[in-house]
Amino acid sequence: MREIAPTESSPIDWKRYEKMTLPEKWAYLDEKSREIHAQIEKLIDR
């Protein structure tokens, strides 16, 4: 698998993600999607 480094465009820490169990991955992605939705809401509200 190729190396994916977290970047400004990718808020997900892939190194950390690879070490997680499946339930942790779901929780992590859920949390990240909430953060992204909150950022989008802020942009829309401007």
C-alpha atoms as a PDB file:
ATOM      1  CA  MET A   1       0.000   0.000   0.000  1.00  0.00           C
ATOM      2  CA  ARG A   2       1.367   3.397  -0.886  1.00  0.00           C
ATOM      3  CA  GLU A   3       2.112   6.006   1.756  1.00  0.00           C
ATOM      4  CA  ILE A   4      -0.553   8.677   2.206  1.00  0.00           C
ATOM      5  CA  ALA A   5       0.538  11.671   4.256  1.00  0.00           C
ATOM      6  CA  PRO A   6      -2.046  13.957   5.872  1.00  0.00           C
ATOM      7  CA  THR A   7      -2.231  17.219   3.930  1.00  0.00           C
ATOM      8  CA  GLU A   8      -4.299  20.366   4.080  1.00  0.00           C
ATOM      9  CA  SER A   9      -6.739  18.772   1.655  1.00  0.00           C
ATOM     10  CA  SER A  10      -6.874  15.534   3.665  1.00  0.00           C
ATOM     11  CA  PRO A  11      -7.754  16.081   7.338  1.00  0.00           C
ATOM     12  CA  ILE A  12      -7.466  12.343   8.026  1.00  0.00           C
ATOM     13  CA  ASP A  13      -4.329  11.047   9.736  1.00  0.00           C
ATOM     14  CA  TRP A  14      -3.850   7.912   7.595  1.00  0.00           C
ATOM     15  CA  LYS A  15      -0.925   6.530   9.635  1.00  0.00           C
ATOM     16  CA  ARG A  16      -3.067   6.589  12.775  1.00  0.00           C
ATOM     17  CA  TYR A  17      -6.091   5.302  10.856  1.00  0.00           C
ATOM     18  CA  GLU A  18      -4.243   2.200   9.583  1.00  0.00           C
ATOM     19  CA  LYS A  19      -3.530   1.082  13.163  1.00  0.00           C
ATOM     20  CA  MET A  20      -7.147   1.365  14.335  1.00  0.00           C
ATOM     21  CA  THR A  21      -9.653  -1.436  14.753  1.00  0.00           C
ATOM     22  CA  LEU A  22     -12.780  -1.309  12.586  1.00  0.00           C
ATOM     23  CA  PRO A  23     -15.084   0.256  15.245  1.00  0.00           C
ATOM     24  CA  GLU A  24     -12.397   2.896  15.939  1.00  0.00           C
ATOM     25  CA  LYS A  25     -12.192   3.629  12.202  1.00  0.00           C
ATOM     26  CA  TRP A  26     -15.961   4.182  12.000  1.00  0.00           C
ATOM     27  CA  ALA A  27     -15.907   6.498  15.036  1.00  0.00           C
ATOM     28  CA  TYR A  28     -12.885   8.399  13.681  1.00  0.00           C
ATOM     29  CA  LEU A  29     -14.453   8.895  10.238  1.00  0.00           C
ATOM     30  CA  ASP A  30     -17.757   9.928  11.838  1.00  0.00           C
ATOM     31  CA  GLU A  31     -15.939  12.539  13.948  1.00  0.00           C
ATOM     32  CA  LYS A  32     -14.003  13.831  10.917  1.00  0.00           C
ATOM     33  CA  SER A  33     -17.154  14.066   8.799  1.00  0.00           C
ATOM     34  CA  ARG A  34     -18.808  16.125  11.568  1.00  0.00           C
ATOM     35  CA  GLU A  35     -15.797  18.474  11.654  1.00  0.00           C
ATOM     36  CA  ILE A  36     -15.923  18.866   7.873  1.00  0.00           C
ATOM     37  CA  HIS A  37     -19.691  19.527   7.936  1.00  0.00           C
ATOM     38  CA  ALA A  38     -19.168  22.167  10.644  1.00  0.00           C
ATOM     39  CA  GLN A  39     -16.511  23.890   8.502  1.00  0.00           C
ATOM     40  CA  ILE A  40     -18.853  23.860   5.499  1.00  0.00           C
ATOM     41  CA  GLU A  41     -21.701  25.307   7.603  1.00  0.00           C
ATOM     42  CA  LYS A  42     -19.394  28.152   8.687  1.00  0.00           C
ATOM     43  CA  LEU A  43     -18.504  28.887   5.058  1.00  0.00           C
ATOM     44  CA  ILE A  44     -22.179  28.900   4.050  1.00  0.00           C
ATOM     45  CA  ASP A  45     -23.164  31.186   6.954  1.00  0.00           C
ATOM     46  CA  ARG A  46     -20.656  33.892   5.996  1.00  0.00           C
END
